[in-house]
Amino acid sequence: MALYSEKVMDHFMHPRNVGVIENADGIGEVGNAKCGDIMKMYLKIDDGVITDVKFETFGCASAIASSSMATELIKGQRVEEAMALTNKAVAEALDGLPDYKMHCSVLAEEAIQSALEDYRSKTGNPIEKPEKPSA
């Protein structure tokens, strides 16, 4: 079995939404001191919808793939839906990550939440996470 899924390799080799959004509505930056990965997310938001998202990531294949997939998952979503994105959803969309690389998907979740918090602090618009269905 390969270490990484085809989707992880595709998003690593051909990452989507790489770059910077000038005058972004929300910017979030997070890092993991243990592994050295750093992610920065930029959001453009119009009427509560994420119309554009870009990222810059310094890190391993899993970190880059997680950033890329996370941007694909939230683009076009309402801010509340993006706030509810979990690292597990990112990892599942990539057809899995090795256990010791799951922290990369956590960084993607945290970078998005940080950018949304920056947007909320700039605009004063509250962002509520949708209620999760009880199991």
N, C-alpha and C. Protein backbone atom coordinates (compact mmCIF):
# COMPACT_ATOMS: atom_id res chain seq x y z
N MET A 1 0.84 -1.19 0.00
CA MET A 1 0.00 0.00 0.00
C MET A 1 0.88 1.26 0.00
N ALA A 2 0.50 2.21 -0.78
CA ALA A 2 1.25 3.46 -0.86
C ALA A 2 1.06 4.28 0.42
N LEU A 3 2.06 5.05 0.75
CA LEU A 3 2.00 5.90 1.93
C LEU A 3 0.88 6.94 1.80
N TYR A 4 0.76 7.52 0.60
CA TYR A 4 -0.25 8.56 0.35
C TYR A 4 -1.22 8.12 -0.73
N SER A 5 -2.46 8.57 -0.61
CA SER A 5 -3.48 8.27 -1.61
C SER A 5 -3.19 9.06 -2.89
N GLU A 6 -3.84 8.66 -3.98
CA GLU A 6 -3.69 9.39 -5.24
C GLU A 6 -4.15 10.85 -5.08
N LYS A 7 -5.21 11.06 -4.29
CA LYS A 7 -5.71 12.44 -4.08
C LYS A 7 -4.70 13.29 -3.34
N VAL A 8 -4.05 12.72 -2.33
CA VAL A 8 -3.02 13.47 -1.61
C VAL A 8 -1.91 13.85 -2.58
N MET A 9 -1.47 12.90 -3.37
CA MET A 9 -0.38 13.18 -4.31
C MET A 9 -0.80 14.21 -5.36
N ASP A 10 -2.04 14.13 -5.82
CA ASP A 10 -2.52 15.10 -6.81
C ASP A 10 -2.56 16.51 -6.23
N HIS A 11 -3.08 16.65 -5.00
CA HIS A 11 -3.15 17.98 -4.37
C HIS A 11 -1.77 18.49 -3.96
N PHE A 12 -0.83 17.57 -3.72
CA PHE A 12 0.54 17.99 -3.42
C PHE A 12 1.26 18.44 -4.69
N MET A 13 1.13 17.65 -5.75
CA MET A 13 1.82 17.96 -7.00
C MET A 13 1.16 19.09 -7.78
N HIS A 14 -0.17 19.24 -7.63
CA HIS A 14 -0.93 20.26 -8.35
C HIS A 14 -1.87 20.98 -7.38
N PRO A 15 -1.32 21.70 -6.40
CA PRO A 15 -2.18 22.33 -5.40
C PRO A 15 -3.09 23.39 -6.01
N ARG A 16 -4.30 23.44 -5.50
CA ARG A 16 -5.30 24.41 -5.95
C ARG A 16 -5.28 25.63 -5.03
N ASN A 17 -5.58 26.78 -5.60
CA ASN A 17 -5.79 28.01 -4.83
C ASN A 17 -4.56 28.49 -4.07
N VAL A 18 -3.38 28.32 -4.65
CA VAL A 18 -2.15 28.80 -4.02
C VAL A 18 -2.01 30.29 -4.30
N GLY A 19 -1.59 31.04 -3.30
CA GLY A 19 -1.31 32.45 -3.51
C GLY A 19 -1.82 33.32 -2.39
N VAL A 20 -1.91 34.59 -2.68
CA VAL A 20 -2.29 35.62 -1.72
C VAL A 20 -3.49 36.38 -2.28
N ILE A 21 -4.42 36.75 -1.43
CA ILE A 21 -5.51 37.64 -1.82
C ILE A 21 -5.20 39.00 -1.22
N GLU A 22 -4.93 39.97 -2.08
CA GLU A 22 -4.71 41.34 -1.61
C GLU A 22 -6.02 41.84 -1.01
N ASN A 23 -5.96 42.58 0.07
CA ASN A 23 -7.14 43.11 0.76
C ASN A 23 -8.12 42.00 1.13
N ALA A 24 -7.60 40.89 1.61
CA ALA A 24 -8.44 39.77 2.04
C ALA A 24 -9.35 40.21 3.18
N ASP A 25 -10.53 39.62 3.22
CA ASP A 25 -11.47 39.92 4.30
C ASP A 25 -11.11 39.19 5.59
N GLY A 26 -10.38 38.10 5.46
CA GLY A 26 -9.92 37.35 6.63
C GLY A 26 -8.62 36.66 6.31
N ILE A 27 -7.67 36.74 7.26
CA ILE A 27 -6.37 36.09 7.10
C ILE A 27 -6.10 35.31 8.37
N GLY A 28 -5.72 34.05 8.19
CA GLY A 28 -5.38 33.22 9.34
C GLY A 28 -4.05 32.54 9.12
N GLU A 29 -3.23 32.51 10.17
CA GLU A 29 -1.94 31.83 10.08
C GLU A 29 -1.77 30.97 11.31
N VAL A 30 -1.41 29.72 11.07
CA VAL A 30 -1.17 28.78 12.16
C VAL A 30 0.09 27.99 11.85
N GLY A 31 0.66 27.40 12.88
CA GLY A 31 1.86 26.58 12.69
C GLY A 31 1.94 25.49 13.72
N ASN A 32 2.78 24.52 13.44
CA ASN A 32 3.03 23.42 14.34
C ASN A 32 4.53 23.43 14.65
N ALA A 33 4.86 23.82 15.87
CA ALA A 33 6.27 23.95 16.25
C ALA A 33 7.00 22.61 16.18
N LYS A 34 6.29 21.52 16.42
CA LYS A 34 6.91 20.20 16.44
C LYS A 34 7.45 19.80 15.07
N CYS A 35 6.65 20.05 14.01
CA CYS A 35 7.08 19.61 12.67
C CYS A 35 7.53 20.77 11.79
N GLY A 36 7.23 22.00 12.18
CA GLY A 36 7.66 23.16 11.42
C GLY A 36 6.71 23.62 10.32
N ASP A 37 5.57 22.94 10.17
CA ASP A 37 4.60 23.33 9.14
C ASP A 37 3.95 24.66 9.50
N ILE A 38 3.76 25.52 8.49
CA ILE A 38 3.09 26.81 8.67
C ILE A 38 2.07 26.96 7.54
N MET A 39 0.84 27.33 7.89
CA MET A 39 -0.21 27.57 6.90
C MET A 39 -0.77 28.96 7.08
N LYS A 40 -1.02 29.60 5.94
CA LYS A 40 -1.65 30.92 5.95
C LYS A 40 -2.80 30.86 4.96
N MET A 41 -4.00 31.22 5.41
CA MET A 41 -5.21 31.21 4.58
C MET A 41 -5.72 32.64 4.40
N TYR A 42 -6.17 32.93 3.19
CA TYR A 42 -6.74 34.23 2.83
C TYR A 42 -8.16 34.01 2.33
N LEU A 43 -9.11 34.78 2.85
CA LEU A 43 -10.51 34.64 2.44
C LEU A 43 -11.05 35.93 1.87
N LYS A 44 -11.82 35.81 0.81
CA LYS A 44 -12.62 36.91 0.26
C LYS A 44 -14.07 36.49 0.50
N ILE A 45 -14.82 37.35 1.19
CA ILE A 45 -16.18 37.00 1.60
C ILE A 45 -17.14 38.09 1.13
N ASP A 46 -18.19 37.67 0.43
CA ASP A 46 -19.23 38.58 -0.03
C ASP A 46 -20.58 38.07 0.45
N ASP A 47 -21.31 38.90 1.18
CA ASP A 47 -22.63 38.54 1.70
C ASP A 47 -22.62 37.20 2.43
N GLY A 48 -21.58 36.97 3.22
CA GLY A 48 -21.50 35.77 4.03
C GLY A 48 -21.07 34.52 3.30
N VAL A 49 -20.65 34.67 2.03
CA VAL A 49 -20.21 33.52 1.23
C VAL A 49 -18.73 33.69 0.88
N ILE A 50 -17.97 32.62 1.00
CA ILE A 50 -16.55 32.65 0.64
C ILE A 50 -16.46 32.57 -0.87
N THR A 51 -16.13 33.69 -1.48
CA THR A 51 -16.07 33.75 -2.95
C THR A 51 -14.68 33.43 -3.49
N ASP A 52 -13.67 33.59 -2.65
CA ASP A 52 -12.32 33.22 -3.06
C ASP A 52 -11.53 32.83 -1.82
N VAL A 53 -10.61 31.92 -1.99
CA VAL A 53 -9.73 31.47 -0.90
C VAL A 53 -8.40 31.09 -1.51
N LYS A 54 -7.34 31.52 -0.85
CA LYS A 54 -5.98 31.20 -1.29
C LYS A 54 -5.19 30.77 -0.05
N PHE A 55 -4.09 30.06 -0.31
CA PHE A 55 -3.24 29.65 0.81
C PHE A 55 -1.77 29.70 0.44
N GLU A 56 -0.96 29.82 1.48
CA GLU A 56 0.49 29.65 1.39
C GLU A 56 0.85 28.68 2.50
N THR A 57 1.53 27.60 2.14
CA THR A 57 1.92 26.61 3.14
C THR A 57 3.38 26.26 2.98
N PHE A 58 4.07 26.28 4.11
CA PHE A 58 5.44 25.80 4.18
C PHE A 58 5.36 24.50 4.96
N GLY A 59 5.57 23.39 4.26
CA GLY A 59 5.46 22.12 4.97
C GLY A 59 5.59 20.93 4.04
N CYS A 60 5.24 19.80 4.58
CA CYS A 60 5.37 18.53 3.88
C CYS A 60 4.22 18.32 2.89
N ALA A 61 4.26 17.19 2.19
CA ALA A 61 3.23 16.86 1.20
C ALA A 61 1.85 16.85 1.83
N SER A 62 1.71 16.30 3.02
CA SER A 62 0.40 16.23 3.69
C SER A 62 -0.12 17.62 4.04
N ALA A 63 0.76 18.51 4.44
CA ALA A 63 0.36 19.87 4.80
C ALA A 63 -0.12 20.62 3.56
N ILE A 64 0.61 20.50 2.47
CA ILE A 64 0.23 21.18 1.23
C ILE A 64 -1.07 20.60 0.70
N ALA A 65 -1.18 19.28 0.67
CA ALA A 65 -2.41 18.63 0.19
C ALA A 65 -3.61 19.00 1.07
N SER A 66 -3.41 19.04 2.37
CA SER A 66 -4.51 19.40 3.29
C SER A 66 -4.96 20.84 3.06
N SER A 67 -4.02 21.74 2.87
CA SER A 67 -4.36 23.15 2.59
C SER A 67 -5.15 23.25 1.29
N SER A 68 -4.65 22.59 0.26
CA SER A 68 -5.29 22.63 -1.05
C SER A 68 -6.72 22.09 -0.98
N MET A 69 -6.87 20.92 -0.38
CA MET A 69 -8.21 20.31 -0.29
C MET A 69 -9.15 21.16 0.55
N ALA A 70 -8.66 21.71 1.65
CA ALA A 70 -9.50 22.54 2.51
C ALA A 70 -10.03 23.75 1.74
N THR A 71 -9.19 24.36 0.91
CA THR A 71 -9.66 25.52 0.14
C THR A 71 -10.76 25.10 -0.83
N GLU A 72 -10.61 23.93 -1.43
CA GLU A 72 -11.62 23.43 -2.36
C GLU A 72 -12.94 23.16 -1.63
N LEU A 73 -12.85 22.67 -0.41
CA LEU A 73 -14.06 22.33 0.35
C LEU A 73 -14.85 23.56 0.81
N ILE A 74 -14.16 24.69 1.05
CA ILE A 74 -14.90 25.85 1.58
C ILE A 74 -15.25 26.89 0.53
N LYS A 75 -14.62 26.85 -0.62
CA LYS A 75 -14.91 27.84 -1.67
C LYS A 75 -16.37 27.74 -2.08
N GLY A 76 -17.08 28.87 -2.03
CA GLY A 76 -18.49 28.91 -2.37
C GLY A 76 -19.42 28.60 -1.20
N GLN A 77 -18.84 28.28 -0.04
CA GLN A 77 -19.65 27.95 1.13
C GLN A 77 -19.96 29.20 1.95
N ARG A 78 -21.02 29.12 2.72
CA ARG A 78 -21.32 30.17 3.69
C ARG A 78 -20.28 30.10 4.81
N VAL A 79 -20.01 31.23 5.46
CA VAL A 79 -18.98 31.24 6.50
C VAL A 79 -19.30 30.26 7.62
N GLU A 80 -20.58 30.09 7.94
CA GLU A 80 -20.97 29.15 9.00
C GLU A 80 -20.61 27.72 8.62
N GLU A 81 -20.79 27.38 7.35
CA GLU A 81 -20.44 26.03 6.89
C GLU A 81 -18.93 25.84 6.92
N ALA A 82 -18.19 26.86 6.53
CA ALA A 82 -16.73 26.78 6.55
C ALA A 82 -16.22 26.64 7.97
N MET A 83 -16.84 27.34 8.92
CA MET A 83 -16.43 27.26 10.32
C MET A 83 -16.61 25.85 10.87
N ALA A 84 -17.56 25.11 10.30
CA ALA A 84 -17.86 23.76 10.78
C ALA A 84 -16.97 22.69 10.14
N LEU A 85 -16.13 23.08 9.16
CA LEU A 85 -15.26 22.10 8.51
C LEU A 85 -14.31 21.49 9.53
N THR A 86 -14.21 20.18 9.54
CA THR A 86 -13.34 19.48 10.48
C THR A 86 -12.12 18.92 9.78
N ASN A 87 -11.10 18.66 10.56
CA ASN A 87 -9.90 18.04 9.99
C ASN A 87 -10.24 16.65 9.45
N LYS A 88 -11.18 15.97 10.08
CA LYS A 88 -11.57 14.64 9.60
C LYS A 88 -12.18 14.73 8.20
N ALA A 89 -12.98 15.77 7.95
CA ALA A 89 -13.58 15.95 6.62
C ALA A 89 -12.49 16.21 5.58
N VAL A 90 -11.47 16.97 5.95
CA VAL A 90 -10.35 17.24 5.03
C VAL A 90 -9.62 15.93 4.73
N ALA A 91 -9.30 15.16 5.77
CA ALA A 91 -8.58 13.90 5.58
C ALA A 91 -9.41 12.92 4.75
N GLU A 92 -10.72 12.84 5.02
CA GLU A 92 -11.58 11.94 4.25
C GLU A 92 -11.64 12.36 2.78
N ALA A 93 -11.70 13.66 2.52
CA ALA A 93 -11.75 14.15 1.14
C ALA A 93 -10.46 13.80 0.39
N LEU A 94 -9.37 13.63 1.14
CA LEU A 94 -8.09 13.24 0.54
C LEU A 94 -7.93 11.71 0.48
N ASP A 95 -8.99 10.99 0.81
CA ASP A 95 -8.95 9.52 0.89
C ASP A 95 -7.97 9.04 1.95
N GLY A 96 -7.87 9.82 3.02
CA GLY A 96 -7.08 9.43 4.18
C GLY A 96 -5.67 9.99 4.20
N LEU A 97 -5.17 10.10 5.43
CA LEU A 97 -3.79 10.49 5.69
C LEU A 97 -3.21 9.48 6.68
N PRO A 98 -1.90 9.23 6.64
CA PRO A 98 -1.31 8.38 7.68
C PRO A 98 -1.57 9.00 9.06
N ASP A 99 -1.74 8.17 10.06
CA ASP A 99 -2.05 8.67 11.42
C ASP A 99 -1.08 9.74 11.87
N TYR A 100 0.21 9.54 11.59
CA TYR A 100 1.21 10.49 12.06
C TYR A 100 1.23 11.79 11.25
N LYS A 101 0.37 11.88 10.22
CA LYS A 101 0.24 13.11 9.43
C LYS A 101 -1.11 13.79 9.61
N MET A 102 -1.96 13.25 10.47
CA MET A 102 -3.29 13.85 10.70
C MET A 102 -3.18 15.28 11.22
N HIS A 103 -2.08 15.62 11.90
CA HIS A 103 -1.92 16.98 12.40
C HIS A 103 -1.95 18.01 11.26
N CYS A 104 -1.62 17.58 10.04
CA CYS A 104 -1.66 18.50 8.90
C CYS A 104 -3.09 18.91 8.58
N SER A 105 -4.02 17.96 8.67
CA SER A 105 -5.42 18.30 8.43
C SER A 105 -5.95 19.17 9.57
N VAL A 106 -5.43 18.98 10.78
CA VAL A 106 -5.82 19.83 11.91
C VAL A 106 -5.36 21.27 11.65
N LEU A 107 -4.16 21.44 11.11
CA LEU A 107 -3.66 22.78 10.79
C LEU A 107 -4.56 23.46 9.76
N ALA A 108 -5.03 22.70 8.77
CA ALA A 108 -5.92 23.28 7.75
C ALA A 108 -7.21 23.77 8.39
N GLU A 109 -7.79 22.96 9.27
CA GLU A 109 -9.01 23.37 9.99
C GLU A 109 -8.74 24.62 10.81
N GLU A 110 -7.64 24.64 11.54
CA GLU A 110 -7.31 25.79 12.39
C GLU A 110 -7.02 27.05 11.58
N ALA A 111 -6.38 26.91 10.42
CA ALA A 111 -6.08 28.08 9.58
C ALA A 111 -7.37 28.72 9.07
N ILE A 112 -8.32 27.89 8.68
CA ILE A 112 -9.62 28.40 8.22
C ILE A 112 -10.33 29.09 9.37
N GLN A 113 -10.37 28.46 10.53
CA GLN A 113 -11.04 29.07 11.68
C GLN A 113 -10.37 30.37 12.08
N SER A 114 -9.05 30.43 11.99
CA SER A 114 -8.32 31.65 12.31
C SER A 114 -8.67 32.77 11.32
N ALA A 115 -8.75 32.44 10.03
CA ALA A 115 -9.10 33.44 9.02
C ALA A 115 -10.54 33.91 9.21
N LEU A 116 -11.44 33.00 9.57
CA LEU A 116 -12.83 33.39 9.81
C LEU A 116 -12.95 34.25 11.07
N GLU A 117 -12.14 33.95 12.07
CA GLU A 117 -12.13 34.77 13.28
C GLU A 117 -11.61 36.17 12.97
N ASP A 118 -10.60 36.26 12.11
CA ASP A 118 -10.08 37.56 11.67
C ASP A 118 -11.18 38.34 10.95
N TYR A 119 -11.90 37.68 10.07
CA TYR A 119 -13.03 38.30 9.36
C TYR A 119 -14.07 38.80 10.37
N ARG A 120 -14.41 37.96 11.34
CA ARG A 120 -15.41 38.33 12.35
C ARG A 120 -14.94 39.54 13.16
N SER A 121 -13.66 39.56 13.52
CA SER A 121 -13.16 40.68 14.32
C SER A 121 -13.14 41.99 13.52
N LYS A 122 -12.92 41.90 12.22
CA LYS A 122 -12.89 43.09 11.37
C LYS A 122 -14.29 43.63 11.09
N THR A 123 -15.26 42.72 10.96
CA THR A 123 -16.61 43.12 10.55
C THR A 123 -17.60 43.19 11.69
N GLY A 124 -17.31 42.47 12.77
CA GLY A 124 -18.27 42.39 13.88
C GLY A 124 -19.40 41.41 13.60
N ASN A 125 -19.36 40.74 12.45
CA ASN A 125 -20.40 39.76 12.12
C ASN A 125 -20.13 38.45 12.86
N PRO A 126 -21.08 38.01 13.68
CA PRO A 126 -20.87 36.74 14.38
C PRO A 126 -20.92 35.57 13.39
N ILE A 127 -20.18 34.53 13.70
CA ILE A 127 -20.20 33.31 12.88
C ILE A 127 -20.56 32.16 13.81
N GLU A 128 -21.70 31.59 13.58
CA GLU A 128 -22.16 30.47 14.39
C GLU A 128 -21.86 29.17 13.66
N LYS A 129 -21.30 28.21 14.39
CA LYS A 129 -21.14 26.88 13.82
C LYS A 129 -22.51 26.23 13.76
N PRO A 130 -22.86 25.60 12.63
CA PRO A 130 -24.15 24.89 12.58
C PRO A 130 -24.17 23.79 13.62
N GLU A 131 -25.36 23.51 14.13
CA GLU A 131 -25.51 22.43 15.11
C GLU A 131 -25.15 21.11 14.45
N LYS A 132 -24.36 20.31 15.16
CA LYS A 132 -24.02 18.99 14.64
C LYS A 132 -25.15 18.03 15.04
N PRO A 133 -25.56 17.18 14.10
CA PRO A 133 -26.60 16.22 14.46
C PRO A 133 -26.09 15.28 15.54
N SER A 134 -26.95 14.96 16.47
CA SER A 134 -26.53 14.04 17.55
C SER A 134 -26.52 12.63 17.01
N ALA A 135 -25.56 11.87 17.48
CA ALA A 135 -25.38 10.49 16.97
C ALA A 135 -26.27 9.52 17.68
